[in-house]
Amino acid sequence: MNVESPAGPRPGAAAPSSAPSAHTGAVDQAAAAVRCELLLQDSLDAVRPQLTWRHGAARAGARLPVPGSGPDDAAVHWYVGRSRDIVTIVSAARRPALPGMVEMRWRRRGWTVTSVNAGREWPGLAATTPDGYRLALEFGELGEARLTALSPGVARSEPWSDGGVEVPGSSGYSARLPEVCCPFWSAMG
């Protein structure tokens, strides 16, 4: 269940494509933000029973490529990121199950799982889609969990022109603490 927007899978909703849309021109920040949201929702749709979540940090900005990394290594690459803070209390006993469900979905989609932390207290994982989007699921010290999606370099779009604004998700920001009990996820054993 989501406390800020409709919950659960949308009837007739297709799985997110693993490639950018074939519309004219390059993907811009607005389209990348939509894609990030779709990837996050698809990941959460794999989890049963459903979790309660809230929109987390929204990020937008620019990054410079590594020198010598390609023909456009002097170009600025714009990006966006989106996240979902999981506010369902996930007990330490249930934490390994959550990344397991998400990992299974990511692998079925053909995404490359790039990192797995199978630790019982702070499990997590990360993956990359074929079109370069990066996803991560991680737990914090106090049991807070966050799912994030970050776009590859995309074209700049006007609504995202102010990348220097301080937003949640910048250094020092942590996910909301879980507060919603669930008979399954919050069970101690």
N, C-alpha and C. Protein backbone atom coordinates (compact mmCIF):
# COMPACT_ATOMS: atom_id res chain seq x y z
N MET A 1 0.85 -1.17 0.00
CA MET A 1 0.00 0.00 0.00
C MET A 1 0.89 1.23 0.00
N ASN A 2 0.45 2.26 -0.67
CA ASN A 2 1.18 3.51 -0.73
C ASN A 2 0.32 4.57 -0.10
N VAL A 3 0.89 5.41 0.72
CA VAL A 3 0.11 6.44 1.39
C VAL A 3 0.02 7.72 0.58
N GLU A 4 0.72 7.82 -0.54
CA GLU A 4 0.69 9.06 -1.31
C GLU A 4 0.12 8.93 -2.71
N SER A 5 0.07 7.74 -3.26
CA SER A 5 -0.51 7.56 -4.59
C SER A 5 -1.08 6.16 -4.69
N PRO A 6 -1.81 5.85 -5.76
CA PRO A 6 -2.47 4.55 -5.85
C PRO A 6 -1.52 3.40 -5.59
N ALA A 7 -2.03 2.38 -4.92
CA ALA A 7 -1.18 1.26 -4.53
C ALA A 7 -1.35 0.08 -5.46
N GLY A 8 -0.36 -0.76 -5.41
CA GLY A 8 -0.44 -2.03 -6.10
C GLY A 8 -0.30 -1.93 -7.60
N PRO A 9 -0.30 -3.10 -8.23
CA PRO A 9 -0.15 -3.12 -9.68
C PRO A 9 -1.36 -2.50 -10.35
N ARG A 10 -1.10 -1.81 -11.40
CA ARG A 10 -2.18 -1.20 -12.16
C ARG A 10 -2.74 -2.22 -13.13
N PRO A 11 -4.08 -2.39 -13.19
CA PRO A 11 -4.66 -3.37 -14.09
C PRO A 11 -4.21 -3.12 -15.52
N GLY A 12 -3.73 -4.17 -16.16
CA GLY A 12 -3.31 -4.05 -17.55
C GLY A 12 -1.99 -3.35 -17.74
N ALA A 13 -1.30 -3.00 -16.65
CA ALA A 13 -0.04 -2.27 -16.78
C ALA A 13 1.03 -3.20 -17.31
N ALA A 14 1.76 -2.72 -18.27
CA ALA A 14 2.85 -3.50 -18.84
C ALA A 14 4.10 -3.29 -18.01
N ALA A 15 4.98 -4.23 -18.09
CA ALA A 15 6.26 -4.10 -17.40
C ALA A 15 7.05 -2.98 -18.05
N PRO A 16 7.86 -2.27 -17.28
CA PRO A 16 8.66 -1.22 -17.87
C PRO A 16 9.58 -1.78 -18.93
N SER A 17 9.66 -1.10 -20.00
CA SER A 17 10.55 -1.50 -21.09
C SER A 17 11.99 -1.42 -20.63
N SER A 18 12.84 -2.23 -21.22
CA SER A 18 14.24 -2.18 -20.84
C SER A 18 15.03 -1.24 -21.74
N ALA A 19 14.35 -0.56 -22.64
CA ALA A 19 15.03 0.37 -23.53
C ALA A 19 14.31 1.70 -23.53
N PRO A 20 15.03 2.79 -23.83
CA PRO A 20 14.38 4.08 -23.87
C PRO A 20 13.34 4.12 -24.98
N SER A 21 12.39 5.02 -24.84
CA SER A 21 11.35 5.13 -25.86
C SER A 21 11.96 5.55 -27.18
N ALA A 22 11.29 5.17 -28.25
CA ALA A 22 11.82 5.43 -29.58
C ALA A 22 11.29 6.74 -30.16
N HIS A 23 10.91 7.70 -29.29
CA HIS A 23 10.43 8.96 -29.81
C HIS A 23 11.59 9.77 -30.38
N THR A 24 11.25 10.80 -31.10
CA THR A 24 12.31 11.58 -31.74
C THR A 24 13.20 12.24 -30.70
N GLY A 25 14.48 12.21 -30.95
CA GLY A 25 15.43 12.86 -30.07
C GLY A 25 15.82 12.00 -28.89
N ALA A 26 16.69 12.57 -28.05
CA ALA A 26 17.20 11.86 -26.88
C ALA A 26 16.21 11.96 -25.73
N VAL A 27 16.36 11.08 -24.78
CA VAL A 27 15.55 11.11 -23.56
C VAL A 27 15.99 12.33 -22.76
N ASP A 28 15.01 13.10 -22.25
CA ASP A 28 15.35 14.26 -21.43
C ASP A 28 15.07 13.95 -19.96
N GLN A 29 15.35 14.93 -19.10
CA GLN A 29 15.20 14.71 -17.67
C GLN A 29 13.76 14.38 -17.27
N ALA A 30 12.80 15.02 -17.91
CA ALA A 30 11.40 14.75 -17.57
C ALA A 30 11.03 13.31 -17.90
N ALA A 31 11.42 12.84 -19.08
CA ALA A 31 11.14 11.45 -19.46
C ALA A 31 11.91 10.48 -18.57
N ALA A 32 13.13 10.84 -18.21
CA ALA A 32 13.93 9.98 -17.33
C ALA A 32 13.29 9.87 -15.95
N ALA A 33 12.70 10.97 -15.47
CA ALA A 33 12.03 10.94 -14.17
C ALA A 33 10.84 9.98 -14.20
N VAL A 34 10.08 10.02 -15.29
CA VAL A 34 8.95 9.11 -15.45
C VAL A 34 9.45 7.67 -15.48
N ARG A 35 10.52 7.43 -16.20
CA ARG A 35 11.09 6.07 -16.29
C ARG A 35 11.55 5.60 -14.91
N CYS A 36 12.20 6.47 -14.15
CA CYS A 36 12.63 6.11 -12.80
C CYS A 36 11.42 5.70 -11.95
N GLU A 37 10.34 6.46 -12.03
CA GLU A 37 9.13 6.14 -11.26
C GLU A 37 8.57 4.77 -11.66
N LEU A 38 8.56 4.49 -12.97
CA LEU A 38 8.07 3.19 -13.44
C LEU A 38 8.94 2.04 -12.94
N LEU A 39 10.25 2.24 -12.94
CA LEU A 39 11.16 1.20 -12.46
C LEU A 39 10.95 0.95 -10.97
N LEU A 40 10.77 2.01 -10.20
CA LEU A 40 10.54 1.86 -8.77
C LEU A 40 9.23 1.12 -8.51
N GLN A 41 8.17 1.52 -9.21
CA GLN A 41 6.88 0.87 -8.99
C GLN A 41 6.93 -0.59 -9.41
N ASP A 42 7.59 -0.88 -10.52
CA ASP A 42 7.71 -2.26 -10.96
C ASP A 42 8.44 -3.10 -9.92
N SER A 43 9.48 -2.54 -9.33
CA SER A 43 10.23 -3.26 -8.30
C SER A 43 9.36 -3.53 -7.08
N LEU A 44 8.59 -2.54 -6.65
CA LEU A 44 7.73 -2.72 -5.48
C LEU A 44 6.55 -3.64 -5.77
N ASP A 45 6.11 -3.69 -7.02
CA ASP A 45 5.01 -4.59 -7.38
C ASP A 45 5.40 -6.06 -7.21
N ALA A 46 6.69 -6.35 -7.16
CA ALA A 46 7.16 -7.73 -6.99
C ALA A 46 7.05 -8.20 -5.54
N VAL A 47 6.87 -7.29 -4.62
CA VAL A 47 6.89 -7.60 -3.19
C VAL A 47 5.49 -7.98 -2.71
N ARG A 48 5.41 -9.14 -2.08
CA ARG A 48 4.16 -9.62 -1.50
C ARG A 48 4.42 -10.10 -0.09
N PRO A 49 3.61 -9.74 0.90
CA PRO A 49 2.54 -8.76 0.79
C PRO A 49 3.09 -7.36 0.53
N GLN A 50 2.22 -6.50 0.00
CA GLN A 50 2.65 -5.16 -0.39
C GLN A 50 3.18 -4.37 0.80
N LEU A 51 4.09 -3.47 0.49
CA LEU A 51 4.67 -2.58 1.48
C LEU A 51 3.99 -1.22 1.40
N THR A 52 4.03 -0.49 2.50
CA THR A 52 3.60 0.91 2.49
C THR A 52 4.84 1.75 2.25
N TRP A 53 4.71 2.75 1.38
CA TRP A 53 5.87 3.57 1.04
C TRP A 53 5.44 5.01 0.82
N ARG A 54 6.42 5.88 0.81
CA ARG A 54 6.21 7.30 0.49
C ARG A 54 7.27 7.71 -0.52
N HIS A 55 6.94 8.73 -1.28
CA HIS A 55 7.94 9.26 -2.20
C HIS A 55 9.10 9.78 -1.38
N GLY A 56 10.29 9.42 -1.77
CA GLY A 56 11.49 9.88 -1.08
C GLY A 56 12.14 11.02 -1.85
N ALA A 57 13.42 11.06 -1.75
CA ALA A 57 14.20 12.15 -2.34
C ALA A 57 14.08 12.17 -3.86
N ALA A 58 13.90 13.37 -4.40
CA ALA A 58 13.95 13.57 -5.85
C ALA A 58 15.25 14.33 -6.13
N ARG A 59 16.00 13.84 -7.07
CA ARG A 59 17.28 14.47 -7.39
C ARG A 59 17.33 14.84 -8.86
N ALA A 60 18.06 15.89 -9.15
CA ALA A 60 18.31 16.28 -10.54
C ALA A 60 19.60 17.08 -10.53
N GLY A 61 20.38 16.92 -11.57
CA GLY A 61 21.61 17.67 -11.63
C GLY A 61 22.44 17.27 -12.82
N ALA A 62 23.71 17.62 -12.74
CA ALA A 62 24.63 17.33 -13.83
C ALA A 62 25.88 16.68 -13.26
N ARG A 63 26.51 15.87 -14.08
CA ARG A 63 27.80 15.30 -13.70
C ARG A 63 28.69 15.29 -14.92
N LEU A 64 29.95 15.45 -14.68
CA LEU A 64 30.93 15.43 -15.76
C LEU A 64 31.41 14.01 -15.96
N PRO A 65 31.58 13.60 -17.20
CA PRO A 65 32.08 12.24 -17.45
C PRO A 65 33.56 12.14 -17.11
N VAL A 66 34.02 10.92 -16.96
CA VAL A 66 35.43 10.66 -16.71
C VAL A 66 36.20 11.03 -17.97
N PRO A 67 37.26 11.83 -17.86
CA PRO A 67 38.04 12.20 -19.04
C PRO A 67 38.53 10.96 -19.78
N GLY A 68 38.40 11.00 -21.10
CA GLY A 68 38.84 9.88 -21.92
C GLY A 68 37.85 8.74 -21.99
N SER A 69 36.63 8.96 -21.47
CA SER A 69 35.65 7.88 -21.45
C SER A 69 34.87 7.74 -22.75
N GLY A 70 35.02 8.66 -23.66
CA GLY A 70 34.29 8.54 -24.92
C GLY A 70 34.40 9.79 -25.76
N PRO A 71 33.72 9.78 -26.89
CA PRO A 71 33.83 10.90 -27.81
C PRO A 71 33.26 12.20 -27.27
N ASP A 72 32.30 12.12 -26.36
CA ASP A 72 31.71 13.35 -25.80
C ASP A 72 32.16 13.58 -24.36
N ASP A 73 33.41 13.26 -24.06
CA ASP A 73 33.87 13.34 -22.67
C ASP A 73 33.99 14.76 -22.15
N ALA A 74 33.75 15.77 -22.98
CA ALA A 74 33.74 17.15 -22.49
C ALA A 74 32.31 17.62 -22.23
N ALA A 75 31.33 16.82 -22.59
CA ALA A 75 29.93 17.20 -22.44
C ALA A 75 29.44 17.00 -21.01
N VAL A 76 28.50 17.82 -20.61
CA VAL A 76 27.86 17.66 -19.31
C VAL A 76 26.71 16.68 -19.49
N HIS A 77 26.59 15.74 -18.58
CA HIS A 77 25.51 14.75 -18.62
C HIS A 77 24.53 15.06 -17.49
N TRP A 78 23.29 15.30 -17.85
CA TRP A 78 22.26 15.59 -16.87
C TRP A 78 21.64 14.28 -16.40
N TYR A 79 21.13 14.26 -15.20
CA TYR A 79 20.53 13.04 -14.65
C TYR A 79 19.37 13.41 -13.74
N VAL A 80 18.56 12.42 -13.43
CA VAL A 80 17.53 12.55 -12.40
C VAL A 80 17.54 11.28 -11.56
N GLY A 81 17.06 11.40 -10.37
CA GLY A 81 16.93 10.25 -9.48
C GLY A 81 15.63 10.35 -8.71
N ARG A 82 15.06 9.22 -8.42
CA ARG A 82 13.83 9.14 -7.64
C ARG A 82 14.01 8.05 -6.59
N SER A 83 13.24 8.15 -5.52
CA SER A 83 13.33 7.11 -4.49
C SER A 83 11.99 6.90 -3.82
N ARG A 84 11.89 5.76 -3.17
CA ARG A 84 10.72 5.41 -2.37
C ARG A 84 11.24 5.01 -1.00
N ASP A 85 10.73 5.68 0.02
CA ASP A 85 11.04 5.31 1.40
C ASP A 85 9.99 4.30 1.85
N ILE A 86 10.45 3.15 2.29
CA ILE A 86 9.54 2.10 2.74
C ILE A 86 9.23 2.37 4.20
N VAL A 87 7.95 2.61 4.50
CA VAL A 87 7.57 2.95 5.87
C VAL A 87 6.92 1.78 6.61
N THR A 88 6.83 0.63 5.95
CA THR A 88 6.42 -0.59 6.64
C THR A 88 7.59 -1.05 7.50
N ILE A 89 7.33 -1.42 8.73
CA ILE A 89 8.38 -1.95 9.59
C ILE A 89 8.74 -3.34 9.08
N VAL A 90 9.98 -3.52 8.68
CA VAL A 90 10.47 -4.82 8.21
C VAL A 90 11.41 -5.34 9.28
N SER A 91 10.97 -6.37 10.00
CA SER A 91 11.77 -6.90 11.10
C SER A 91 13.08 -7.49 10.58
N ALA A 92 14.06 -7.58 11.47
CA ALA A 92 15.36 -8.15 11.09
C ALA A 92 15.19 -9.57 10.55
N ALA A 93 14.22 -10.31 11.08
CA ALA A 93 14.00 -11.68 10.61
C ALA A 93 13.47 -11.72 9.18
N ARG A 94 12.74 -10.68 8.77
CA ARG A 94 12.14 -10.65 7.43
C ARG A 94 12.98 -9.89 6.40
N ARG A 95 13.98 -9.16 6.85
CA ARG A 95 14.76 -8.32 5.92
C ARG A 95 15.36 -9.07 4.75
N PRO A 96 15.93 -10.26 4.92
CA PRO A 96 16.50 -10.95 3.76
C PRO A 96 15.47 -11.30 2.68
N ALA A 97 14.21 -11.46 3.06
CA ALA A 97 13.18 -11.82 2.08
C ALA A 97 12.89 -10.68 1.11
N LEU A 98 12.96 -9.46 1.58
CA LEU A 98 12.63 -8.31 0.73
C LEU A 98 13.59 -8.16 -0.45
N PRO A 99 14.91 -8.10 -0.21
CA PRO A 99 15.82 -8.04 -1.37
C PRO A 99 15.70 -9.26 -2.27
N GLY A 100 15.38 -10.42 -1.68
CA GLY A 100 15.22 -11.63 -2.49
C GLY A 100 14.10 -11.50 -3.50
N MET A 101 12.97 -10.94 -3.09
CA MET A 101 11.84 -10.74 -4.00
C MET A 101 12.19 -9.73 -5.09
N VAL A 102 12.83 -8.65 -4.68
CA VAL A 102 13.19 -7.60 -5.64
C VAL A 102 14.25 -8.12 -6.62
N GLU A 103 15.24 -8.85 -6.10
CA GLU A 103 16.28 -9.40 -6.98
C GLU A 103 15.68 -10.34 -8.02
N MET A 104 14.73 -11.17 -7.61
CA MET A 104 14.10 -12.09 -8.55
C MET A 104 13.42 -11.31 -9.68
N ARG A 105 12.73 -10.23 -9.35
CA ARG A 105 12.06 -9.41 -10.36
C ARG A 105 13.09 -8.79 -11.30
N TRP A 106 14.15 -8.25 -10.73
CA TRP A 106 15.16 -7.59 -11.56
C TRP A 106 15.79 -8.59 -12.53
N ARG A 107 16.11 -9.77 -12.05
CA ARG A 107 16.72 -10.77 -12.93
C ARG A 107 15.75 -11.22 -14.02
N ARG A 108 14.47 -11.37 -13.69
CA ARG A 108 13.47 -11.74 -14.70
C ARG A 108 13.33 -10.67 -15.78
N ARG A 109 13.58 -9.44 -15.41
CA ARG A 109 13.50 -8.35 -16.38
C ARG A 109 14.77 -8.28 -17.24
N GLY A 110 15.78 -9.05 -16.89
CA GLY A 110 17.02 -9.02 -17.65
C GLY A 110 17.99 -7.94 -17.21
N TRP A 111 17.76 -7.40 -16.02
CA TRP A 111 18.65 -6.37 -15.51
C TRP A 111 19.86 -7.04 -14.86
N THR A 112 20.99 -6.38 -14.89
CA THR A 112 22.22 -6.92 -14.34
C THR A 112 22.32 -6.55 -12.86
N VAL A 113 22.31 -7.56 -12.01
CA VAL A 113 22.48 -7.31 -10.57
C VAL A 113 23.97 -7.09 -10.35
N THR A 114 24.31 -5.90 -9.88
CA THR A 114 25.72 -5.50 -9.77
C THR A 114 26.27 -5.66 -8.36
N SER A 115 25.40 -5.78 -7.37
CA SER A 115 25.87 -5.89 -6.00
C SER A 115 24.79 -6.55 -5.15
N VAL A 116 25.21 -7.46 -4.28
CA VAL A 116 24.29 -8.09 -3.34
C VAL A 116 24.96 -8.12 -1.98
N ASN A 117 24.27 -7.57 -0.98
CA ASN A 117 24.73 -7.67 0.40
C ASN A 117 23.73 -8.58 1.10
N ALA A 118 24.14 -9.79 1.36
CA ALA A 118 23.24 -10.78 1.95
C ALA A 118 23.23 -10.72 3.48
N GLY A 119 23.83 -9.70 4.07
CA GLY A 119 23.85 -9.58 5.52
C GLY A 119 22.44 -9.52 6.09
N ARG A 120 22.23 -10.17 7.21
CA ARG A 120 20.90 -10.25 7.81
C ARG A 120 20.41 -8.90 8.32
N GLU A 121 21.30 -8.11 8.92
CA GLU A 121 20.88 -6.83 9.50
C GLU A 121 20.63 -5.77 8.45
N TRP A 122 21.55 -5.62 7.50
CA TRP A 122 21.45 -4.56 6.49
C TRP A 122 21.58 -5.14 5.09
N PRO A 123 20.65 -5.97 4.68
CA PRO A 123 20.75 -6.52 3.33
C PRO A 123 20.50 -5.43 2.30
N GLY A 124 20.92 -5.69 1.10
CA GLY A 124 20.68 -4.73 0.02
C GLY A 124 21.16 -5.29 -1.29
N LEU A 125 20.82 -4.59 -2.35
CA LEU A 125 21.29 -4.99 -3.66
C LEU A 125 21.20 -3.81 -4.61
N ALA A 126 21.90 -3.95 -5.72
CA ALA A 126 21.91 -2.91 -6.76
C ALA A 126 21.88 -3.59 -8.11
N ALA A 127 21.33 -2.88 -9.10
CA ALA A 127 21.23 -3.43 -10.46
C ALA A 127 21.29 -2.30 -11.47
N THR A 128 21.56 -2.69 -12.71
CA THR A 128 21.58 -1.76 -13.83
C THR A 128 20.69 -2.33 -14.92
N THR A 129 19.87 -1.48 -15.52
CA THR A 129 19.02 -1.91 -16.63
C THR A 129 19.83 -1.83 -17.92
N PRO A 130 19.39 -2.52 -18.98
CA PRO A 130 20.12 -2.45 -20.25
C PRO A 130 20.26 -1.03 -20.80
N ASP A 131 19.32 -0.14 -20.46
CA ASP A 131 19.42 1.23 -20.96
C ASP A 131 20.13 2.16 -19.98
N GLY A 132 20.81 1.61 -18.97
CA GLY A 132 21.70 2.39 -18.12
C GLY A 132 21.12 2.95 -16.84
N TYR A 133 19.88 2.69 -16.52
CA TYR A 133 19.32 3.15 -15.24
C TYR A 133 19.87 2.27 -14.13
N ARG A 134 20.15 2.89 -12.98
CA ARG A 134 20.69 2.15 -11.84
C ARG A 134 19.66 2.14 -10.72
N LEU A 135 19.49 0.99 -10.11
CA LEU A 135 18.55 0.84 -9.00
C LEU A 135 19.27 0.28 -7.79
N ALA A 136 18.79 0.64 -6.61
CA ALA A 136 19.38 0.10 -5.38
C ALA A 136 18.30 -0.02 -4.31
N LEU A 137 18.39 -1.07 -3.54
CA LEU A 137 17.56 -1.28 -2.36
C LEU A 137 18.51 -1.42 -1.20
N GLU A 138 18.33 -0.59 -0.17
CA GLU A 138 19.26 -0.66 0.96
C GLU A 138 18.53 -0.38 2.27
N PHE A 139 19.05 -0.97 3.33
CA PHE A 139 18.54 -0.77 4.68
C PHE A 139 19.54 0.08 5.45
N GLY A 140 19.02 0.89 6.37
CA GLY A 140 19.85 1.70 7.23
C GLY A 140 19.97 1.09 8.61
N GLU A 141 20.71 1.77 9.47
CA GLU A 141 20.98 1.27 10.82
C GLU A 141 19.73 1.06 11.66
N LEU A 142 18.72 1.89 11.46
CA LEU A 142 17.52 1.83 12.29
C LEU A 142 16.38 1.06 11.63
N GLY A 143 16.70 0.29 10.59
CA GLY A 143 15.70 -0.51 9.92
C GLY A 143 14.99 0.21 8.79
N GLU A 144 15.37 1.47 8.54
CA GLU A 144 14.75 2.20 7.45
C GLU A 144 15.22 1.62 6.12
N ALA A 145 14.34 1.58 5.15
CA ALA A 145 14.68 1.02 3.84
C ALA A 145 14.33 2.02 2.76
N ARG A 146 15.14 2.02 1.71
CA ARG A 146 14.91 2.92 0.59
C ARG A 146 15.21 2.19 -0.71
N LEU A 147 14.37 2.44 -1.69
CA LEU A 147 14.57 1.95 -3.05
C LEU A 147 14.81 3.18 -3.92
N THR A 148 15.91 3.19 -4.66
CA THR A 148 16.25 4.36 -5.49
C THR A 148 16.45 3.95 -6.94
N ALA A 149 16.22 4.91 -7.82
CA ALA A 149 16.48 4.74 -9.26
C ALA A 149 17.18 6.00 -9.74
N LEU A 150 18.23 5.83 -10.51
CA LEU A 150 19.03 6.94 -11.03
C LEU A 150 19.18 6.76 -12.53
N SER A 151 18.95 7.84 -13.27
CA SER A 151 19.02 7.76 -14.73
C SER A 151 20.46 7.80 -15.21
N PRO A 152 20.67 7.34 -16.45
CA PRO A 152 21.97 7.58 -17.08
C PRO A 152 21.99 9.04 -17.54
N GLY A 153 23.03 9.45 -18.22
CA GLY A 153 23.09 10.81 -18.75
C GLY A 153 21.97 11.04 -19.75
N VAL A 154 21.23 12.12 -19.58
CA VAL A 154 20.10 12.44 -20.45
C VAL A 154 20.18 13.91 -20.85
N ALA A 155 19.32 14.31 -21.78
CA ALA A 155 19.26 15.71 -22.20
C ALA A 155 18.61 16.54 -21.11
N ARG A 156 19.03 17.77 -20.99
CA ARG A 156 18.47 18.67 -20.00
C ARG A 156 17.06 19.09 -20.43
N SER A 157 16.17 19.22 -19.45
CA SER A 157 14.85 19.76 -19.74
C SER A 157 14.58 20.91 -18.78
N GLU A 158 13.84 21.89 -19.22
CA GLU A 158 13.67 23.13 -18.48
C GLU A 158 13.16 22.99 -17.05
N PRO A 159 12.18 22.12 -16.76
CA PRO A 159 11.74 22.03 -15.37
C PRO A 159 12.86 21.63 -14.41
N TRP A 160 13.94 21.08 -14.93
CA TRP A 160 15.03 20.60 -14.09
C TRP A 160 16.22 21.54 -14.12
N SER A 161 16.04 22.76 -14.60
CA SER A 161 17.17 23.66 -14.78
C SER A 161 17.85 24.07 -13.49
N ASP A 162 17.14 24.01 -12.36
CA ASP A 162 17.74 24.44 -11.10
C ASP A 162 18.27 23.24 -10.33
N GLY A 163 19.35 22.64 -10.82
CA GLY A 163 19.92 21.46 -10.20
C GLY A 163 20.64 21.73 -8.90
N GLY A 164 20.87 23.02 -8.57
CA GLY A 164 21.62 23.34 -7.37
C GLY A 164 20.78 23.47 -6.12
N VAL A 165 19.47 23.29 -6.23
CA VAL A 165 18.59 23.42 -5.07
C VAL A 165 18.83 22.26 -4.11
N GLU A 166 18.90 22.57 -2.84
CA GLU A 166 19.07 21.53 -1.81
C GLU A 166 17.77 20.74 -1.70
N VAL A 167 17.84 19.45 -1.88
CA VAL A 167 16.66 18.60 -1.81
C VAL A 167 16.92 17.46 -0.85
N PRO A 168 15.84 16.87 -0.32
CA PRO A 168 16.06 15.65 0.45
C PRO A 168 16.80 14.66 -0.43
N GLY A 169 17.70 13.93 0.14
CA GLY A 169 18.48 12.99 -0.64
C GLY A 169 19.91 13.46 -0.81
N SER A 170 20.15 14.74 -0.52
CA SER A 170 21.52 15.21 -0.56
C SER A 170 22.23 14.67 0.67
N SER A 171 23.50 14.91 0.79
CA SER A 171 24.25 14.31 1.89
C SER A 171 23.59 14.62 3.23
N GLY A 172 23.52 13.62 4.07
CA GLY A 172 22.93 13.80 5.38
C GLY A 172 21.46 13.44 5.45
N TYR A 173 20.80 13.31 4.31
CA TYR A 173 19.38 12.95 4.31
C TYR A 173 19.26 11.44 4.47
N SER A 174 18.38 11.00 5.34
CA SER A 174 18.17 9.56 5.48
C SER A 174 16.70 9.25 5.24
N ALA A 175 16.43 8.01 4.93
CA ALA A 175 15.06 7.58 4.66
C ALA A 175 14.20 7.78 5.90
N ARG A 176 12.90 7.94 5.68
CA ARG A 176 11.96 8.04 6.80
C ARG A 176 12.01 6.76 7.62
N LEU A 177 11.84 6.91 8.91
CA LEU A 177 11.81 5.73 9.77
C LEU A 177 10.50 4.99 9.55
N PRO A 178 10.57 3.66 9.56
CA PRO A 178 9.35 2.87 9.36
C PRO A 178 8.39 3.06 10.52
N GLU A 179 7.09 3.07 10.19
CA GLU A 179 6.08 3.34 11.22
C GLU A 179 4.81 2.50 11.05
N VAL A 180 4.70 1.74 9.96
CA VAL A 180 3.49 0.99 9.67
C VAL A 180 3.74 -0.49 9.94
N CYS A 181 2.92 -1.09 10.82
CA CYS A 181 3.07 -2.51 11.13
C CYS A 181 2.33 -3.36 10.10
N CYS A 182 2.90 -4.51 9.80
CA CYS A 182 2.32 -5.47 8.87
C CYS A 182 2.45 -6.85 9.53
N PRO A 183 1.39 -7.66 9.52
CA PRO A 183 1.48 -8.97 10.16
C PRO A 183 2.63 -9.83 9.63
N PHE A 184 2.94 -9.72 8.34
CA PHE A 184 4.04 -10.51 7.78
C PHE A 184 5.38 -9.81 7.96
N TRP A 185 5.53 -8.62 7.39
CA TRP A 185 6.83 -7.95 7.36
C TRP A 185 7.34 -7.55 8.73
N SER A 186 6.45 -7.26 9.66
CA SER A 186 6.88 -6.80 10.98
C SER A 186 7.04 -7.93 11.98
N ALA A 187 6.71 -9.17 11.58
CA ALA A 187 6.80 -10.32 12.48
C ALA A 187 8.24 -10.53 12.94
N MET A 188 8.40 -10.87 14.20
CA MET A 188 9.74 -11.00 14.78
C MET A 188 10.37 -12.36 14.52
N GLY A 189 9.64 -13.33 14.07
CA GLY A 189 10.25 -14.64 13.89
C GLY A 189 9.82 -15.38 12.70
